[in-house]
Amino acid sequence: MESENPVPILSLGSSRNASLEGVSNKSHGSEQFTIPEKVIHFLTEHMPDAYCDDCMAAALKLRRTQVNTVTSTLGLCCEYSRGAQTCKTCLKAGKSATRRDRL
């Protein structure tokens, strides 16, 4: 039986400028990140700006439904906000997500 290689876990810590190699869906060597890790990194790098699921999906080359699943869940956490906000990219007012500064 072959053992599976573990997927590396991205540690964002408190750094807003954390590097995320292999952010695309294609694997770069053994670097492959989960969809939640990609969304969290995107929101961290762009805080305090808000982004709608459509624009975030386009930026990350993911499906809108994939991003929506993550942002809907993150909206329940105190570090994130999801609700009526203006998207930084398309400027539409609607459900958008953002990462807040730590309290």
PDB file of N, CA and C in Angstrom:
ATOM      1  N   MET A   1       0.826  -1.189   0.000  1.00  0.00           N
ATOM      2  CA  MET A   1       0.000   0.000   0.000  1.00  0.00           C
ATOM      3  C   MET A   1       0.866   1.248   0.000  1.00  0.00           C
ATOM      4  N   GLU A   2       0.551   2.190  -0.864  1.00  0.00           N
ATOM      5  CA  GLU A   2       1.296   3.433  -0.888  1.00  0.00           C
ATOM      6  C   GLU A   2       0.687   4.405   0.109  1.00  0.00           C
ATOM      7  N   SER A   3       1.552   5.145   0.791  1.00  0.00           N
ATOM      8  CA  SER A   3       1.029   6.138   1.732  1.00  0.00           C
ATOM      9  C   SER A   3       0.743   7.428   0.973  1.00  0.00           C
ATOM     10  N   GLU A   4      -0.297   8.101   1.376  1.00  0.00           N
ATOM     11  CA  GLU A   4      -0.682   9.349   0.738  1.00  0.00           C
ATOM     12  C   GLU A   4       0.181  10.480   1.281  1.00  0.00           C
ATOM     13  N   ASN A   5       0.538  11.419   0.400  1.00  0.00           N
ATOM     14  CA  ASN A   5       1.271  12.596   0.850  1.00  0.00           C
ATOM     15  C   ASN A   5       0.295  13.539   1.510  1.00  0.00           C
ATOM     16  N   PRO A   6       0.602  14.035   2.701  1.00  0.00           N
ATOM     17  CA  PRO A   6      -0.319  14.969   3.346  1.00  0.00           C
ATOM     18  C   PRO A   6      -0.365  16.294   2.594  1.00  0.00           C
ATOM     19  N   VAL A   7      -1.533  16.912   2.578  1.00  0.00           N
ATOM     20  CA  VAL A   7      -1.701  18.216   1.956  1.00  0.00           C
ATOM     21  C   VAL A   7      -1.162  19.254   2.928  1.00  0.00           C
ATOM     22  N   PRO A   8      -0.255  20.130   2.463  1.00  0.00           N
ATOM     23  CA  PRO A   8       0.291  21.134   3.379  1.00  0.00           C
ATOM     24  C   PRO A   8      -0.796  22.085   3.856  1.00  0.00           C
ATOM     25  N   ILE A   9      -0.717  22.473   5.089  1.00  0.00           N
ATOM     26  CA  ILE A   9      -1.675  23.394   5.680  1.00  0.00           C
ATOM     27  C   ILE A   9      -1.070  24.787   5.654  1.00  0.00           C
ATOM     28  N   LEU A  10      -1.841  25.766   5.200  1.00  0.00           N
ATOM     29  CA  LEU A  10      -1.391  27.136   5.129  1.00  0.00           C
ATOM     30  C   LEU A  10      -1.606  27.797   6.471  1.00  0.00           C
ATOM     31  N   SER A  11      -0.556  28.307   7.036  1.00  0.00           N
ATOM     32  CA  SER A  11      -0.657  29.020   8.300  1.00  0.00           C
ATOM     33  C   SER A  11      -0.630  30.506   8.005  1.00  0.00           C
ATOM     34  N   LEU A  12      -1.758  31.170   8.221  1.00  0.00           N
ATOM     35  CA  LEU A  12      -1.843  32.596   7.927  1.00  0.00           C
ATOM     36  C   LEU A  12      -1.376  33.456   9.079  1.00  0.00           C
ATOM     37  N   GLY A  13      -1.500  32.949  10.291  1.00  0.00           N
ATOM     38  CA  GLY A  13      -1.097  33.731  11.452  1.00  0.00           C
ATOM     39  C   GLY A  13      -1.714  35.108  11.415  1.00  0.00           C
ATOM     40  N   SER A  14      -0.974  36.099  11.845  1.00  0.00           N
ATOM     41  CA  SER A  14      -1.508  37.461  11.852  1.00  0.00           C
ATOM     42  C   SER A  14      -0.925  38.288  10.713  1.00  0.00           C
ATOM     43  N   SER A  15      -0.121  37.700   9.855  1.00  0.00           N
ATOM     44  CA  SER A  15       0.519  38.437   8.775  1.00  0.00           C
ATOM     45  C   SER A  15      -0.451  38.687   7.632  1.00  0.00           C
ATOM     46  N   ARG A  16      -0.603  39.957   7.259  1.00  0.00           N
ATOM     47  CA  ARG A  16      -1.464  40.292   6.127  1.00  0.00           C
ATOM     48  C   ARG A  16      -0.755  40.016   4.819  1.00  0.00           C
ATOM     49  N   ASN A  17       0.571  39.913   4.841  1.00  0.00           N
ATOM     50  CA  ASN A  17       1.333  39.754   3.616  1.00  0.00           C
ATOM     51  C   ASN A  17       1.855  38.335   3.455  1.00  0.00           C
ATOM     52  N   ALA A  18       1.135  37.362   3.990  1.00  0.00           N
ATOM     53  CA  ALA A  18       1.561  35.968   3.875  1.00  0.00           C
ATOM     54  C   ALA A  18       1.594  35.567   2.410  1.00  0.00           C
ATOM     55  N   SER A  19       2.605  34.821   2.025  1.00  0.00           N
ATOM     56  CA  SER A  19       2.745  34.357   0.648  1.00  0.00           C
ATOM     57  C   SER A  19       1.917  33.101   0.441  1.00  0.00           C
ATOM     58  N   LEU A  20       1.272  33.018  -0.700  1.00  0.00           N
ATOM     59  CA  LEU A  20       0.490  31.826  -1.022  1.00  0.00           C
ATOM     60  C   LEU A  20       0.898  31.371  -2.406  1.00  0.00           C
ATOM     61  N   GLU A  21       1.881  30.481  -2.463  1.00  0.00           N
ATOM     62  CA  GLU A  21       2.303  29.925  -3.735  1.00  0.00           C
ATOM     63  C   GLU A  21       1.305  28.858  -4.130  1.00  0.00           C
ATOM     64  N   GLY A  22       1.072  28.721  -5.419  1.00  0.00           N
ATOM     65  CA  GLY A  22       0.144  27.699  -5.888  1.00  0.00           C
ATOM     66  C   GLY A  22      -1.302  28.047  -5.613  1.00  0.00           C
ATOM     67  N   VAL A  23      -1.652  29.347  -5.690  1.00  0.00           N
ATOM     68  CA  VAL A  23      -3.014  29.759  -5.393  1.00  0.00           C
ATOM     69  C   VAL A  23      -3.991  29.284  -6.460  1.00  0.00           C
ATOM     70  N   SER A  24      -3.501  28.931  -7.631  1.00  0.00           N
ATOM     71  CA  SER A  24      -4.399  28.430  -8.658  1.00  0.00           C
ATOM     72  C   SER A  24      -4.822  27.009  -8.318  1.00  0.00           C
ATOM     73  N   ASN A  25      -5.763  26.492  -9.082  1.00  0.00           N
ATOM     74  CA  ASN A  25      -6.248  25.136  -8.846  1.00  0.00           C
ATOM     75  C   ASN A  25      -5.230  24.085  -9.249  1.00  0.00           C
ATOM     76  N   LYS A  26      -4.234  24.472 -10.029  1.00  0.00           N
ATOM     77  CA  LYS A  26      -3.214  23.527 -10.460  1.00  0.00           C
ATOM     78  C   LYS A  26      -2.195  23.365  -9.348  1.00  0.00           C
ATOM     79  N   SER A  27      -1.714  22.178  -9.175  1.00  0.00           N
ATOM     80  CA  SER A  27      -0.729  21.898  -8.148  1.00  0.00           C
ATOM     81  C   SER A  27       0.651  22.321  -8.634  1.00  0.00           C
ATOM     82  N   HIS A  28       1.367  23.061  -7.821  1.00  0.00           N
ATOM     83  CA  HIS A  28       2.739  23.459  -8.108  1.00  0.00           C
ATOM     84  C   HIS A  28       3.617  22.604  -7.214  1.00  0.00           C
ATOM     85  N   GLY A  29       4.191  21.563  -7.762  1.00  0.00           N
ATOM     86  CA  GLY A  29       4.955  20.638  -6.947  1.00  0.00           C
ATOM     87  C   GLY A  29       4.004  19.960  -5.995  1.00  0.00           C
ATOM     88  N   SER A  30       4.329  19.960  -4.730  1.00  0.00           N
ATOM     89  CA  SER A  30       3.439  19.354  -3.742  1.00  0.00           C
ATOM     90  C   SER A  30       2.561  20.401  -3.060  1.00  0.00           C
ATOM     91  N   GLU A  31       2.670  21.672  -3.503  1.00  0.00           N
ATOM     92  CA  GLU A  31       1.890  22.759  -2.911  1.00  0.00           C
ATOM     93  C   GLU A  31       0.482  22.770  -3.490  1.00  0.00           C
ATOM     94  N   GLN A  32      -0.494  22.406  -2.688  1.00  0.00           N
ATOM     95  CA  GLN A  32      -1.885  22.491  -3.127  1.00  0.00           C
ATOM     96  C   GLN A  32      -2.698  22.927  -1.920  1.00  0.00           C
ATOM     97  N   PHE A  33      -3.503  23.958  -2.104  1.00  0.00           N
ATOM     98  CA  PHE A  33      -4.259  24.506  -0.998  1.00  0.00           C
ATOM     99  C   PHE A  33      -5.745  24.233  -1.177  1.00  0.00           C
ATOM    100  N   THR A  34      -6.439  24.131  -0.072  1.00  0.00           N
ATOM    101  CA  THR A  34      -7.869  23.886  -0.120  1.00  0.00           C
ATOM    102  C   THR A  34      -8.599  25.160  -0.535  1.00  0.00           C
ATOM    103  N   ILE A  35      -9.841  24.993  -0.944  1.00  0.00           N
ATOM    104  CA  ILE A  35     -10.650  26.153  -1.328  1.00  0.00           C
ATOM    105  C   ILE A  35     -10.823  27.109  -0.147  1.00  0.00           C
ATOM    106  N   PRO A  36     -11.145  26.622   1.062  1.00  0.00           N
ATOM    107  CA  PRO A  36     -11.238  27.561   2.189  1.00  0.00           C
ATOM    108  C   PRO A  36      -9.939  28.327   2.433  1.00  0.00           C
ATOM    109  N   GLU A  37      -8.795  27.667   2.297  1.00  0.00           N
ATOM    110  CA  GLU A  37      -7.510  28.350   2.484  1.00  0.00           C
ATOM    111  C   GLU A  37      -7.321  29.454   1.456  1.00  0.00           C
ATOM    112  N   LYS A  38      -7.711  29.201   0.219  1.00  0.00           N
ATOM    113  CA  LYS A  38      -7.593  30.204  -0.842  1.00  0.00           C
ATOM    114  C   LYS A  38      -8.478  31.414  -0.551  1.00  0.00           C
ATOM    115  N   VAL A  39      -9.720  31.165  -0.127  1.00  0.00           N
ATOM    116  CA  VAL A  39     -10.659  32.253   0.159  1.00  0.00           C
ATOM    117  C   VAL A  39     -10.180  33.061   1.364  1.00  0.00           C
ATOM    118  N   ILE A  40      -9.742  32.384   2.410  1.00  0.00           N
ATOM    119  CA  ILE A  40      -9.247  33.070   3.604  1.00  0.00           C
ATOM    120  C   ILE A  40      -8.035  33.924   3.266  1.00  0.00           C
ATOM    121  N   HIS A  41      -7.116  33.372   2.494  1.00  0.00           N
ATOM    122  CA  HIS A  41      -5.926  34.140   2.109  1.00  0.00           C
ATOM    123  C   HIS A  41      -6.324  35.375   1.293  1.00  0.00           C
ATOM    124  N   PHE A  42      -7.243  35.198   0.350  1.00  0.00           N
ATOM    125  CA  PHE A  42      -7.695  36.317  -0.478  1.00  0.00           C
ATOM    126  C   PHE A  42      -8.276  37.427   0.390  1.00  0.00           C
ATOM    127  N   LEU A  43      -9.169  37.066   1.297  1.00  0.00           N
ATOM    128  CA  LEU A  43      -9.792  38.084   2.163  1.00  0.00           C
ATOM    129  C   LEU A  43      -8.767  38.736   3.088  1.00  0.00           C
ATOM    130  N   THR A  44      -7.793  37.976   3.549  1.00  0.00           N
ATOM    131  CA  THR A  44      -6.748  38.516   4.424  1.00  0.00           C
ATOM    132  C   THR A  44      -5.886  39.521   3.663  1.00  0.00           C
ATOM    133  N   GLU A  45      -5.491  39.162   2.456  1.00  0.00           N
ATOM    134  CA  GLU A  45      -4.654  40.045   1.641  1.00  0.00           C
ATOM    135  C   GLU A  45      -5.381  41.318   1.223  1.00  0.00           C
ATOM    136  N   HIS A  46      -6.693  41.272   1.141  1.00  0.00           N
ATOM    137  CA  HIS A  46      -7.471  42.414   0.656  1.00  0.00           C
ATOM    138  C   HIS A  46      -8.277  43.113   1.746  1.00  0.00           C
ATOM    139  N   MET A  47      -8.022  42.777   3.012  1.00  0.00           N
ATOM    140  CA  MET A  47      -8.799  43.415   4.069  1.00  0.00           C
ATOM    141  C   MET A  47      -8.425  44.875   4.170  1.00  0.00           C
ATOM    142  N   PRO A  48      -9.331  45.740   4.459  1.00  0.00           N
ATOM    143  CA  PRO A  48     -10.695  45.528   4.926  1.00  0.00           C
ATOM    144  C   PRO A  48     -11.734  45.568   3.806  1.00  0.00           C
ATOM    145  N   ASP A  49     -11.294  45.471   2.548  1.00  0.00           N
ATOM    146  CA  ASP A  49     -12.234  45.547   1.428  1.00  0.00           C
ATOM    147  C   ASP A  49     -13.160  44.340   1.385  1.00  0.00           C
ATOM    148  N   ALA A  50     -14.374  44.561   0.884  1.00  0.00           N
ATOM    149  CA  ALA A  50     -15.374  43.497   0.753  1.00  0.00           C
ATOM    150  C   ALA A  50     -15.461  43.072  -0.707  1.00  0.00           C
ATOM    151  N   TYR A  51     -15.733  41.781  -0.920  1.00  0.00           N
ATOM    152  CA  TYR A  51     -15.845  41.227  -2.272  1.00  0.00           C
ATOM    153  C   TYR A  51     -17.057  40.311  -2.347  1.00  0.00           C
ATOM    154  N   CYS A  52     -17.785  40.406  -3.457  1.00  0.00           N
ATOM    155  CA  CYS A  52     -18.914  39.501  -3.661  1.00  0.00           C
ATOM    156  C   CYS A  52     -18.377  38.135  -4.094  1.00  0.00           C
ATOM    157  N   ASP A  53     -19.212  37.124  -3.992  1.00  0.00           N
ATOM    158  CA  ASP A  53     -18.795  35.763  -4.345  1.00  0.00           C
ATOM    159  C   ASP A  53     -18.393  35.662  -5.817  1.00  0.00           C
ATOM    160  N   ASP A  54     -19.093  36.379  -6.691  1.00  0.00           N
ATOM    161  CA  ASP A  54     -18.787  36.320  -8.120  1.00  0.00           C
ATOM    162  C   ASP A  54     -17.381  36.844  -8.415  1.00  0.00           C
ATOM    163  N   CYS A  55     -17.041  37.990  -7.851  1.00  0.00           N
ATOM    164  CA  CYS A  55     -15.729  38.586  -8.107  1.00  0.00           C
ATOM    165  C   CYS A  55     -14.608  37.778  -7.457  1.00  0.00           C
ATOM    166  N   MET A  56     -14.869  37.263  -6.263  1.00  0.00           N
ATOM    167  CA  MET A  56     -13.864  36.444  -5.592  1.00  0.00           C
ATOM    168  C   MET A  56     -13.639  35.152  -6.376  1.00  0.00           C
ATOM    169  N   ALA A  57     -14.717  34.552  -6.873  1.00  0.00           N
ATOM    170  CA  ALA A  57     -14.600  33.322  -7.659  1.00  0.00           C
ATOM    171  C   ALA A  57     -13.780  33.579  -8.927  1.00  0.00           C
ATOM    172  N   ALA A  58     -14.017  34.693  -9.582  1.00  0.00           N
ATOM    173  CA  ALA A  58     -13.262  35.027 -10.795  1.00  0.00           C
ATOM    174  C   ALA A  58     -11.779  35.231 -10.473  1.00  0.00           C
ATOM    175  N   ALA A  59     -11.495  35.932  -9.389  1.00  0.00           N
ATOM    176  CA  ALA A  59     -10.102  36.196  -9.005  1.00  0.00           C
ATOM    177  C   ALA A  59      -9.360  34.920  -8.639  1.00  0.00           C
ATOM    178  N   LEU A  60     -10.056  33.980  -8.020  1.00  0.00           N
ATOM    179  CA  LEU A  60      -9.427  32.735  -7.568  1.00  0.00           C
ATOM    180  C   LEU A  60      -9.574  31.588  -8.569  1.00  0.00           C
ATOM    181  N   LYS A  61     -10.269  31.852  -9.676  1.00  0.00           N
ATOM    182  CA  LYS A  61     -10.524  30.825 -10.696  1.00  0.00           C
ATOM    183  C   LYS A  61     -11.240  29.608 -10.095  1.00  0.00           C
ATOM    184  N   LEU A  62     -12.290  29.920  -9.337  1.00  0.00           N
ATOM    185  CA  LEU A  62     -13.129  28.900  -8.708  1.00  0.00           C
ATOM    186  C   LEU A  62     -14.560  29.116  -9.162  1.00  0.00           C
ATOM    187  N   ARG A  63     -15.426  28.159  -8.875  1.00  0.00           N
ATOM    188  CA  ARG A  63     -16.854  28.337  -9.159  1.00  0.00           C
ATOM    189  C   ARG A  63     -17.477  29.179  -8.047  1.00  0.00           C
ATOM    190  N   ARG A  64     -18.491  29.946  -8.402  1.00  0.00           N
ATOM    191  CA  ARG A  64     -19.170  30.793  -7.430  1.00  0.00           C
ATOM    192  C   ARG A  64     -19.713  29.970  -6.266  1.00  0.00           C
ATOM    193  N   THR A  65     -20.244  28.796  -6.563  1.00  0.00           N
ATOM    194  CA  THR A  65     -20.819  27.957  -5.502  1.00  0.00           C
ATOM    195  C   THR A  65     -19.758  27.507  -4.505  1.00  0.00           C
ATOM    196  N   GLN A  66     -18.527  27.295  -4.985  1.00  0.00           N
ATOM    197  CA  GLN A  66     -17.438  26.908  -4.089  1.00  0.00           C
ATOM    198  C   GLN A  66     -17.116  28.050  -3.131  1.00  0.00           C
ATOM    199  N   VAL A  67     -17.033  29.254  -3.673  1.00  0.00           N
ATOM    200  CA  VAL A  67     -16.734  30.426  -2.851  1.00  0.00           C
ATOM    201  C   VAL A  67     -17.890  30.701  -1.894  1.00  0.00           C
ATOM    202  N   ASN A  68     -19.122  30.580  -2.374  1.00  0.00           N
ATOM    203  CA  ASN A  68     -20.292  30.846  -1.548  1.00  0.00           C
ATOM    204  C   ASN A  68     -20.353  29.934  -0.332  1.00  0.00           C
ATOM    205  N   THR A  69     -20.010  28.684  -0.508  1.00  0.00           N
ATOM    206  CA  THR A  69     -20.011  27.740   0.619  1.00  0.00           C
ATOM    207  C   THR A  69     -19.056  28.207   1.703  1.00  0.00           C
ATOM    208  N   VAL A  70     -17.892  28.681   1.305  1.00  0.00           N
ATOM    209  CA  VAL A  70     -16.883  29.129   2.277  1.00  0.00           C
ATOM    210  C   VAL A  70     -17.284  30.458   2.909  1.00  0.00           C
ATOM    211  N   THR A  71     -17.691  31.435   2.100  1.00  0.00           N
ATOM    212  CA  THR A  71     -18.008  32.751   2.653  1.00  0.00           C
ATOM    213  C   THR A  71     -19.244  32.718   3.545  1.00  0.00           C
ATOM    214  N   SER A  72     -20.186  31.855   3.222  1.00  0.00           N
ATOM    215  CA  SER A  72     -21.374  31.715   4.078  1.00  0.00           C
ATOM    216  C   SER A  72     -20.980  31.207   5.462  1.00  0.00           C
ATOM    217  N   THR A  73     -20.048  30.288   5.499  1.00  0.00           N
ATOM    218  CA  THR A  73     -19.574  29.750   6.771  1.00  0.00           C
ATOM    219  C   THR A  73     -18.715  30.766   7.508  1.00  0.00           C
ATOM    220  N   LEU A  74     -17.818  31.435   6.794  1.00  0.00           N
ATOM    221  CA  LEU A  74     -16.954  32.432   7.427  1.00  0.00           C
ATOM    222  C   LEU A  74     -17.765  33.577   8.028  1.00  0.00           C
ATOM    223  N   GLY A  75     -18.898  33.887   7.416  1.00  0.00           N
ATOM    224  CA  GLY A  75     -19.747  34.959   7.921  1.00  0.00           C
ATOM    225  C   GLY A  75     -20.245  34.721   9.334  1.00  0.00           C
ATOM    226  N   LEU A  76     -20.157  33.477   9.797  1.00  0.00           N
ATOM    227  CA  LEU A  76     -20.564  33.141  11.163  1.00  0.00           C
ATOM    228  C   LEU A  76     -19.441  33.364  12.177  1.00  0.00           C
ATOM    229  N   CYS A  77     -18.236  33.620  11.699  1.00  0.00           N
ATOM    230  CA  CYS A  77     -17.072  33.818  12.571  1.00  0.00           C
ATOM    231  C   CYS A  77     -16.880  35.308  12.857  1.00  0.00           C
ATOM    232  N   CYS A  78     -16.389  35.620  14.042  1.00  0.00           N
ATOM    233  CA  CYS A  78     -16.242  37.027  14.431  1.00  0.00           C
ATOM    234  C   CYS A  78     -15.164  37.760  13.636  1.00  0.00           C
ATOM    235  N   GLU A  79     -14.215  37.059  13.021  1.00  0.00           N
ATOM    236  CA  GLU A  79     -13.156  37.710  12.247  1.00  0.00           C
ATOM    237  C   GLU A  79     -13.608  38.094  10.839  1.00  0.00           C
ATOM    238  N   TYR A  80     -14.784  37.636  10.435  1.00  0.00           N
ATOM    239  CA  TYR A  80     -15.270  37.878   9.079  1.00  0.00           C
ATOM    240  C   TYR A  80     -16.651  38.504   9.129  1.00  0.00           C
ATOM    241  N   SER A  81     -16.977  39.202   8.065  1.00  0.00           N
ATOM    242  CA  SER A  81     -18.296  39.810   7.948  1.00  0.00           C
ATOM    243  C   SER A  81     -18.869  39.411   6.596  1.00  0.00           C
ATOM    244  N   ARG A  82     -20.131  39.057   6.580  1.00  0.00           N
ATOM    245  CA  ARG A  82     -20.806  38.744   5.316  1.00  0.00           C
ATOM    246  C   ARG A  82     -22.192  39.351   5.396  1.00  0.00           C
ATOM    247  N   GLY A  83     -22.466  40.226   4.471  1.00  0.00           N
ATOM    248  CA  GLY A  83     -23.765  40.876   4.471  1.00  0.00           C
ATOM    249  C   GLY A  83     -23.803  41.975   3.433  1.00  0.00           C
ATOM    250  N   ALA A  84     -24.714  42.910   3.621  1.00  0.00           N
ATOM    251  CA  ALA A  84     -24.910  44.001   2.670  1.00  0.00           C
ATOM    252  C   ALA A  84     -23.718  44.950   2.704  1.00  0.00           C
ATOM    253  N   GLN A  85     -22.823  44.773   1.745  1.00  0.00           N
ATOM    254  CA  GLN A  85     -21.637  45.607   1.608  1.00  0.00           C
ATOM    255  C   GLN A  85     -21.405  45.835   0.113  1.00  0.00           C
ATOM    256  N   THR A  86     -20.627  46.821  -0.230  1.00  0.00           N
ATOM    257  CA  THR A  86     -20.316  47.088  -1.629  1.00  0.00           C
ATOM    258  C   THR A  86     -19.044  46.357  -2.018  1.00  0.00           C
ATOM    259  N   CYS A  87     -19.118  45.601  -3.100  1.00  0.00           N
ATOM    260  CA  CYS A  87     -17.967  44.848  -3.599  1.00  0.00           C
ATOM    261  C   CYS A  87     -16.927  45.821  -4.154  1.00  0.00           C
ATOM    262  N   LYS A  88     -15.687  45.627  -3.764  1.00  0.00           N
ATOM    263  CA  LYS A  88     -14.580  46.482  -4.202  1.00  0.00           C
ATOM    264  C   LYS A  88     -14.354  46.389  -5.713  1.00  0.00           C
ATOM    265  N   THR A  89     -14.632  45.242  -6.316  1.00  0.00           N
ATOM    266  CA  THR A  89     -14.362  45.040  -7.734  1.00  0.00           C
ATOM    267  C   THR A  89     -15.494  45.530  -8.631  1.00  0.00           C
ATOM    268  N   CYS A  90     -16.706  45.027  -8.414  1.00  0.00           N
ATOM    269  CA  CYS A  90     -17.824  45.353  -9.316  1.00  0.00           C
ATOM    270  C   CYS A  90     -18.682  46.514  -8.811  1.00  0.00           C
ATOM    271  N   LEU A  91     -18.461  46.924  -7.574  1.00  0.00           N
ATOM    272  CA  LEU A  91     -19.163  48.050  -6.942  1.00  0.00           C
ATOM    273  C   LEU A  91     -20.655  47.824  -6.742  1.00  0.00           C
ATOM    274  N   LYS A  92     -21.100  46.568  -6.847  1.00  0.00           N
ATOM    275  CA  LYS A  92     -22.502  46.258  -6.588  1.00  0.00           C
ATOM    276  C   LYS A  92     -22.709  46.131  -5.082  1.00  0.00           C
ATOM    277  N   ALA A  93     -23.825  46.665  -4.619  1.00  0.00           N
ATOM    278  CA  ALA A  93     -24.181  46.524  -3.208  1.00  0.00           C
ATOM    279  C   ALA A  93     -24.961  45.233  -3.058  1.00  0.00           C
ATOM    280  N   GLY A  94     -24.539  44.393  -2.170  1.00  0.00           N
ATOM    281  CA  GLY A  94     -25.204  43.110  -1.959  1.00  0.00           C
ATOM    282  C   GLY A  94     -24.400  42.298  -0.971  1.00  0.00           C
ATOM    283  N   LYS A  95     -24.633  40.999  -0.958  1.00  0.00           N
ATOM    284  CA  LYS A  95     -23.899  40.146  -0.033  1.00  0.00           C
ATOM    285  C   LYS A  95     -22.448  40.047  -0.468  1.00  0.00           C
ATOM    286  N   SER A  96     -21.596  40.538   0.384  1.00  0.00           N
ATOM    287  CA  SER A  96     -20.157  40.487   0.153  1.00  0.00           C
ATOM    288  C   SER A  96     -19.493  40.067   1.445  1.00  0.00           C
ATOM    289  N   ALA A  97     -18.264  39.574   1.325  1.00  0.00           N
ATOM    290  CA  ALA A  97     -17.518  39.116   2.502  1.00  0.00           C
ATOM    291  C   ALA A  97     -16.267  39.962   2.673  1.00  0.00           C
ATOM    292  N   THR A  98     -15.863  40.116   3.926  1.00  0.00           N
ATOM    293  CA  THR A  98     -14.636  40.817   4.244  1.00  0.00           C
ATOM    294  C   THR A  98     -14.038  40.235   5.514  1.00  0.00           C
ATOM    295  N   ARG A  99     -12.760  40.443   5.703  1.00  0.00           N
ATOM    296  CA  ARG A  99     -12.111  40.045   6.938  1.00  0.00           C
ATOM    297  C   ARG A  99     -11.926  41.280   7.782  1.00  0.00           C
ATOM    298  N   ARG A 100     -12.271  41.166   9.046  1.00  0.00           N
ATOM    299  CA  ARG A 100     -12.151  42.294   9.979  1.00  0.00           C
ATOM    300  C   ARG A 100     -10.801  42.237  10.669  1.00  0.00           C
ATOM    301  N   ASP A 101     -10.369  43.393  11.169  1.00  0.00           N
ATOM    302  CA  ASP A 101      -9.181  43.416  12.032  1.00  0.00           C
ATOM    303  C   ASP A 101      -9.524  42.656  13.294  1.00  0.00           C
ATOM    304  N   ARG A 102      -8.534  41.985  13.845  1.00  0.00           N
ATOM    305  CA  ARG A 102      -8.776  41.250  15.095  1.00  0.00           C
ATOM    306  C   ARG A 102      -9.115  42.217  16.207  1.00  0.00           C
ATOM    307  N   LEU A 103     -10.058  41.807  17.009  1.00  0.00           N
ATOM    308  CA  LEU A 103     -10.522  42.678  18.092  1.00  0.00           C
ATOM    309  C   LEU A 103      -9.594  42.656  19.258  1.00  0.00           C
TER     310      LEU A 103
END
